[in-house]
Protein backbone atom coordinates (compact mmCIF):
# COMPACT_ATOMS: atom_id res chain seq x y z
CA MET A 1 151.51 89.55 97.68
CA SER A 2 152.49 93.02 97.61
CA ALA A 3 151.46 95.52 100.57
CA PRO A 4 148.09 97.49 99.91
CA GLN A 5 148.58 100.82 97.68
CA TRP A 6 144.89 101.72 97.87
CA ARG A 7 142.28 101.77 100.46
CA VAL A 8 138.59 101.31 99.46
CA ARG A 9 135.75 101.89 102.01
CA GLN A 10 132.77 100.36 100.30
CA TYR A 11 129.57 101.75 102.09
CA HIS A 12 125.97 100.80 101.73
CA TYR A 13 122.71 101.37 103.76
CA LEU A 14 121.10 97.81 103.73
CA SER A 15 121.89 95.22 106.32
CA GLU A 16 124.56 92.33 105.97
CA LYS A 17 121.75 89.90 105.64
CA SER A 18 120.42 91.99 102.40
CA HIS A 19 120.48 90.91 98.85
CA VAL A 20 123.29 93.26 98.17
CA HIS A 21 125.80 92.95 101.19
CA PRO A 22 127.24 89.35 100.18
CA PHE A 23 127.73 90.37 96.51
CA LEU A 24 129.94 93.44 97.43
CA VAL A 25 131.78 91.39 99.63
CA ASP A 26 132.56 88.71 97.02
CA LEU A 27 133.37 91.51 94.35
CA TRP A 28 135.94 93.32 96.56
CA GLN A 29 137.63 90.17 97.81
CA GLU A 30 137.90 88.88 94.08
CA VAL A 31 139.41 92.57 93.32
CA GLU A 32 141.77 92.18 96.43
CA ALA A 33 143.13 88.82 94.96
CA ALA A 34 143.19 89.85 91.21
CA THR A 35 145.20 93.18 91.86
CA GLY A 36 147.81 91.02 94.15
CA GLY A 37 146.89 92.92 97.12
CA ARG A 38 147.39 96.38 95.65
CA ILE A 39 143.53 96.86 96.68
CA ALA A 40 142.37 96.57 100.26
CA ALA A 41 138.81 96.83 100.67
CA THR A 42 136.19 96.97 103.46
CA VAL A 43 132.27 96.49 102.95
CA THR A 44 130.40 98.31 105.60
CA ALA A 45 126.69 97.80 105.95
CA ALA A 46 123.90 99.84 107.55
CA ASN A 47 126.16 103.12 106.78
CA ALA A 48 127.91 102.42 110.09
CA GLY A 49 129.66 105.44 111.20
CA LEU A 50 128.61 107.92 108.29
CA PRO A 51 126.17 110.89 108.59
CA PRO A 52 122.25 110.11 108.81
CA THR A 53 121.35 111.72 105.42
CA HIS A 54 122.30 110.28 101.99
CA GLN A 55 123.01 113.51 100.95
CA ALA A 56 125.61 113.99 103.45
CA VAL A 57 127.11 110.66 102.42
CA VAL A 58 127.26 111.77 98.82
CA ASP A 59 129.14 114.88 99.91
CA LEU A 60 131.71 112.71 101.58
CA LEU A 61 132.02 110.63 98.32
CA VAL A 62 132.25 113.87 95.90
CA ALA A 63 135.02 115.09 98.48
CA GLY A 64 136.87 111.90 98.10
CA ASP A 65 136.57 111.37 102.18
CA ILE A 66 135.21 107.97 101.13
CA GLU A 67 135.75 105.96 98.00
CA CYS A 68 132.77 104.07 97.04
CA TYR A 69 128.89 103.78 97.79
CA VAL A 70 125.58 102.36 96.52
CA LEU A 71 122.52 104.22 96.00
CA MET A 72 119.08 104.29 94.58
CA GLY A 73 118.89 106.70 91.55
CA GLY A 74 116.23 109.16 93.08
CA LEU A 75 118.38 109.65 95.98
CA LEU A 76 120.86 111.33 93.57
CA GLY A 77 118.09 113.62 92.13
CA PRO A 78 119.19 116.50 94.31
CA MET A 79 122.28 116.64 92.58
CA LEU A 80 121.21 115.02 89.13
CA PRO A 81 117.65 115.25 88.42
CA ALA A 82 117.70 113.02 85.63
CA MET A 83 118.65 110.10 87.98
CA GLU A 84 114.98 109.91 88.92
CA ILE A 85 114.03 108.35 85.77
CA GLN A 86 115.34 105.26 86.96
CA GLY A 87 112.20 104.85 89.09
CA LEU A 88 109.61 106.41 86.78
CA PRO A 89 106.10 104.95 87.45
CA PHE A 90 105.05 102.35 85.05
CA ALA A 91 107.63 102.79 82.57
CA PHE A 92 109.23 99.13 82.67
CA GLU A 93 107.68 96.04 82.07
CA SER A 94 109.98 93.81 82.80
CA HIS A 95 113.70 93.37 84.48
CA GLU A 96 115.15 92.71 81.08
CA GLN A 97 114.04 95.83 79.76
CA VAL A 98 115.11 97.89 82.79
CA HIS A 99 118.61 96.62 82.20
CA ARG A 100 118.73 97.03 78.36
CA ALA A 101 117.73 100.85 78.99
CA LEU A 102 120.28 101.42 82.03
CA ASP A 103 122.99 99.26 80.66
CA GLY A 104 122.56 101.01 77.02
CA ALA A 105 122.74 104.33 75.90
CA LEU A 106 120.39 105.99 78.65
CA GLY A 107 122.77 104.58 81.47
CA ASP A 108 125.78 105.99 79.42
CA TYR A 109 124.04 109.44 79.30
CA LEU A 110 123.56 109.47 83.17
CA ARG A 111 126.84 107.99 84.11
CA SER A 112 128.40 111.07 81.99
CA GLU A 113 126.26 113.76 83.83
CA LEU A 114 127.24 112.18 87.08
CA ARG A 115 130.79 111.98 86.19
CA ALA A 116 130.67 115.73 85.58
CA ARG A 117 129.67 116.03 89.17
CA GLY A 118 132.29 114.25 90.78
CA ILE A 119 131.16 110.59 90.68
CA HIS A 120 132.15 107.82 88.70
CA ALA A 121 129.28 105.17 88.15
CA LEU A 122 130.48 101.80 86.94
CA PRO A 123 129.43 100.69 83.67
CA HIS A 124 126.91 97.55 84.24
CA GLY A 125 127.00 98.70 87.96
CA LEU A 126 123.24 98.92 88.70
CA LEU A 127 122.38 96.47 91.43
CA GLU A 128 118.61 94.89 91.59
CA ASN A 129 116.23 95.86 94.12
CA GLY A 130 113.18 94.79 92.22
CA PHE A 131 109.93 96.05 91.19
CA ARG A 132 107.71 97.54 94.30
CA HIS A 133 104.45 96.70 95.26
CA ILE A 134 102.18 98.27 97.43
CA SER A 135 100.92 96.28 100.87
CA THR A 136 98.01 97.72 102.96
CA MET A 137 96.29 96.84 106.38
CA ASP A 138 92.98 96.78 105.86
CA ARG A 139 92.06 97.95 102.23
CA PRO A 140 92.86 95.87 99.26
CA ILE A 141 94.10 97.65 95.98
CA THR A 142 92.61 96.55 92.72
CA LYS A 143 92.45 99.99 90.84
CA ALA A 144 93.84 103.61 91.01
CA ALA A 145 90.90 104.89 92.75
CA ASP A 146 91.47 102.59 95.91
CA LEU A 147 94.64 104.93 96.64
CA GLU A 148 92.37 107.82 97.36
CA GLY A 149 93.45 109.22 100.92
CA LEU A 150 95.23 106.14 101.71
CA ARG A 151 98.46 107.25 104.27
CA ILE A 152 101.34 105.34 102.19
CA ARG A 153 104.78 105.32 103.61
CA ILE A 154 107.32 106.86 101.11
CA PRO A 155 111.25 106.97 101.13
CA GLU A 156 113.15 110.30 100.25
CA GLY A 157 112.59 111.52 97.10
CA LYS A 158 110.55 114.04 94.91
CA MET A 159 109.11 111.35 92.56
CA PHE A 160 107.81 109.06 95.08
CA ALA A 161 105.97 111.84 96.76
CA ASP A 162 104.53 113.16 93.42
CA ALA A 163 103.35 109.95 92.14
CA PHE A 164 101.58 108.99 95.22
CA GLY A 165 100.11 112.37 95.65
CA SER A 166 99.01 112.37 91.87
CA LEU A 167 97.20 109.10 92.67
CA GLY A 168 95.12 110.50 95.37
CA ALA A 169 96.99 109.10 98.02
CA VAL A 170 98.71 111.13 101.17
CA PRO A 171 102.44 110.08 101.01
CA VAL A 172 104.21 110.04 104.44
CA GLU A 173 107.96 109.82 104.85
CA VAL A 174 109.06 107.29 107.05
CA ASN A 175 112.58 106.09 107.87
CA VAL A 176 112.40 102.35 106.81
CA LEU A 177 113.98 101.19 110.17
CA LYS A 178 110.81 102.80 111.90
CA LEU A 179 108.37 101.37 109.08
CA TYR A 180 107.35 98.14 110.94
CA ASP A 181 106.22 100.33 114.09
CA ALA A 182 104.37 102.83 111.99
CA LEU A 183 102.32 100.14 110.36
CA LYS A 184 101.79 98.24 113.70
CA ASN A 185 100.91 101.34 115.44
CA CYS A 186 98.35 102.60 112.62
CA GLU A 187 100.24 105.77 112.01
CA ILE A 188 100.39 104.86 108.16
CA ASP A 189 97.89 102.72 106.33
CA ALA A 190 100.20 101.36 103.87
CA GLN A 191 103.63 100.73 102.28
CA GLU A 192 105.55 99.95 99.02
CA ASN A 193 108.52 97.89 98.43
CA PRO A 194 109.87 95.02 96.70
CA LEU A 195 108.73 91.88 98.26
CA SER A 196 112.44 91.20 99.26
CA ILE A 197 112.30 94.24 101.50
CA MET A 198 108.98 93.16 103.04
CA GLU A 199 110.46 89.79 103.87
CA ALA A 200 113.59 91.60 105.64
CA LEU A 201 111.52 93.77 107.43
CA LYS A 202 108.62 91.22 108.22
CA LEU A 203 106.19 93.70 107.03
CA HIS A 204 103.93 90.64 106.37
CA GLU A 205 103.42 90.89 110.20
CA VAL A 206 101.69 94.24 109.92
CA THR A 207 100.04 94.19 106.52
CA ARG A 208 97.44 91.80 105.44
CA HIS A 209 96.97 92.75 101.55
CA VAL A 210 99.55 93.17 98.84
CA ALA A 211 98.67 94.62 95.39
CA LEU A 212 101.17 93.23 92.79
CA THR A 213 101.42 96.61 90.90
CA SER A 214 104.94 96.70 89.76
CA HIS A 215 104.78 100.40 89.96
CA MET A 216 108.20 101.36 89.94
CA TRP A 217 111.38 99.83 89.41
CA SER A 218 114.25 100.22 92.00
CA GLY A 219 117.98 99.41 92.08
CA PHE A 220 121.15 100.60 93.38
CA ASN A 221 123.88 102.35 91.87
CA LEU A 222 127.61 101.34 92.62
CA ILE A 223 129.48 104.62 92.70
CA ALA A 224 132.83 105.79 93.17
CA SER A 225 134.62 109.27 93.99
CA ASN A 226 136.13 110.55 91.10
CA ARG A 227 139.03 111.94 93.11
CA PHE A 228 139.66 108.24 94.37
CA TRP A 229 138.86 106.28 90.75
CA ASP A 230 141.19 109.08 88.78
CA ARG A 231 144.14 107.85 91.09
CA LEU A 232 144.02 104.28 90.04
CA PRO A 233 145.98 102.95 87.42
CA GLU A 234 144.15 102.01 84.18
CA ASP A 235 144.63 97.97 84.62
CA ILE A 236 143.15 98.53 88.18
CA ARG A 237 140.16 100.50 86.89
CA GLN A 238 139.67 97.96 84.25
CA THR A 239 139.82 95.12 86.79
CA ILE A 240 137.31 96.72 89.08
CA GLU A 241 134.74 97.10 86.49
CA SER A 242 135.14 93.71 85.05
CA ILE A 243 134.75 92.13 88.34
CA ALA A 244 131.85 94.36 89.37
CA ARG A 245 129.89 93.38 86.40
CA LYS A 246 130.28 89.86 86.85
CA HIS A 247 129.21 89.99 90.68
CA VAL A 248 126.34 92.54 89.68
CA ALA A 249 125.10 90.16 87.24
CA ARG A 250 125.14 87.72 89.89
CA GLN A 251 123.28 89.81 92.47
CA ARG A 252 120.56 90.59 89.83
CA ALA A 253 119.76 86.98 88.97
CA HIS A 254 119.64 86.17 92.79
CA THR A 255 117.50 88.97 93.65
CA ASP A 256 114.89 88.51 90.76
CA ALA A 257 114.74 84.95 91.66
CA LEU A 258 114.13 85.78 95.36
CA ASN A 259 111.06 88.33 94.45
CA ARG A 260 109.57 85.84 92.33
CA GLY A 261 109.73 83.08 94.70
CA LEU A 262 108.46 85.32 97.49
CA GLU A 263 105.24 86.02 95.47
CA LEU A 264 104.74 82.22 95.75
CA ARG A 265 104.86 82.57 99.52
CA LEU A 266 102.35 85.13 100.10
CA GLY A 267 99.64 82.82 100.94
CA GLU A 268 101.77 81.50 103.52
CA TRP A 269 102.23 84.68 104.88
CA GLY A 270 98.60 85.00 105.19
CA MET A 271 98.22 87.76 102.98
CA THR A 272 95.62 88.28 100.20
CA ALA A 273 97.24 89.17 96.88
CA THR A 274 95.58 91.19 94.22
CA THR A 275 96.61 92.19 90.55
CA VAL A 276 95.87 95.39 88.87
CA ASP A 277 95.65 97.12 85.51
CA ARG A 278 98.52 98.99 85.27
CA SER A 279 97.08 101.28 82.35
CA ASP A 280 94.42 102.53 84.95
CA PHE A 281 97.24 103.91 87.14
CA ARG A 282 99.23 105.30 84.30
CA LYS A 283 96.17 106.86 83.03
CA ARG A 284 95.69 108.81 86.31
CA LEU A 285 99.22 109.91 86.44
CA ARG A 286 99.00 111.24 83.04
CA ASP A 287 95.67 112.94 83.52
CA ALA A 288 97.56 114.70 86.86
CA GLY A 289 100.05 116.00 84.59
CA PHE A 290 102.79 113.82 86.16
CA TYR A 291 104.38 112.75 83.23
CA ARG A 292 104.54 116.23 81.81
CA ARG A 293 106.37 117.43 85.09
CA TRP A 294 108.85 114.76 85.21
CA ARG A 295 109.59 115.22 81.45
CA GLU A 296 110.71 118.47 82.10
CA ILE A 297 112.62 117.75 85.59
CA THR A 298 114.62 114.98 83.99
CA GLY A 299 115.25 116.65 80.79
CA GLU A 300 114.48 116.26 77.26
CA LYS A 301 117.41 113.79 76.60
CA ALA A 302 116.96 111.57 79.26
CA TRP A 303 113.40 111.08 78.50
CA ARG A 304 114.18 110.51 74.81
CA LEU A 305 116.71 108.07 75.56
CA LEU A 306 114.15 106.21 77.63
CA GLU A 307 111.40 106.24 75.04
CA ASP A 308 114.18 104.89 72.53
CA SER A 309 114.42 101.88 74.78
CA VAL A 310 110.73 101.18 76.17
CA GLY A 311 108.59 103.16 73.81
CA CYS A 312 106.11 106.19 74.39
CA ILE A 313 105.53 106.97 77.95
CA SER A 314 103.14 109.97 77.62
């Protein structure tokens, strides 16, 4: 095995026990073996050693100061507003529909736009997080009107704030590491996340009800710095993309099964689950002008490509 010619530092902001970390480790270990050691990679969880904001990390990536990162689409919104479309509320009905759109023409368009901004997004490189649901401390959610006045934690991202504000809730940004305590101390009334995140953060200990809203899909874009990527020989680029596609497919299947399995455990957690009429939520968003605003923000081309895949949104 030859000495490494290129170093890859793969960062992500989840924990080592997350549904992302072990798959990234497997991916880069296979790349090292397949390239005969020409690539040497490290995978670092929880953004250890990086600045505290995603935007600062993205700036490092574009500058070539780190090689690879994993990021939700909405967090790339400040750079490319069209990326917010990955999490458009009530746009997707299934994981299959998500992946058909975002591995297809819409994904190709988003990748080309990122490329022009210094980022190479790997084809078929969108890792799964899952559909997001709402858990509350005291108020069960069965219809859109139940969100009125609810103080709900949201992550960074303009779309999250606009969506829940349009539904009548009071969005509150809270760092995910402080979310458990914010609920425990009644600083907020609710939160929204995939069930896998609820389990990882033990949020079932501090919320009693969960509405299976599937209101937004979320995933993690596997991205590289153009400055790094363009220096690699073509054979290594092809090797990385082929191996990444394989391990992303494994991660998607694992996370989908994990989230479905956790639905069956809600009773064990002592939680009361409710289902909702998604069309009621979507109508309220439409009436509030949400879809009209975001069609303009994300751009006509991205919106048309999404509707080509999933049907009319608004």
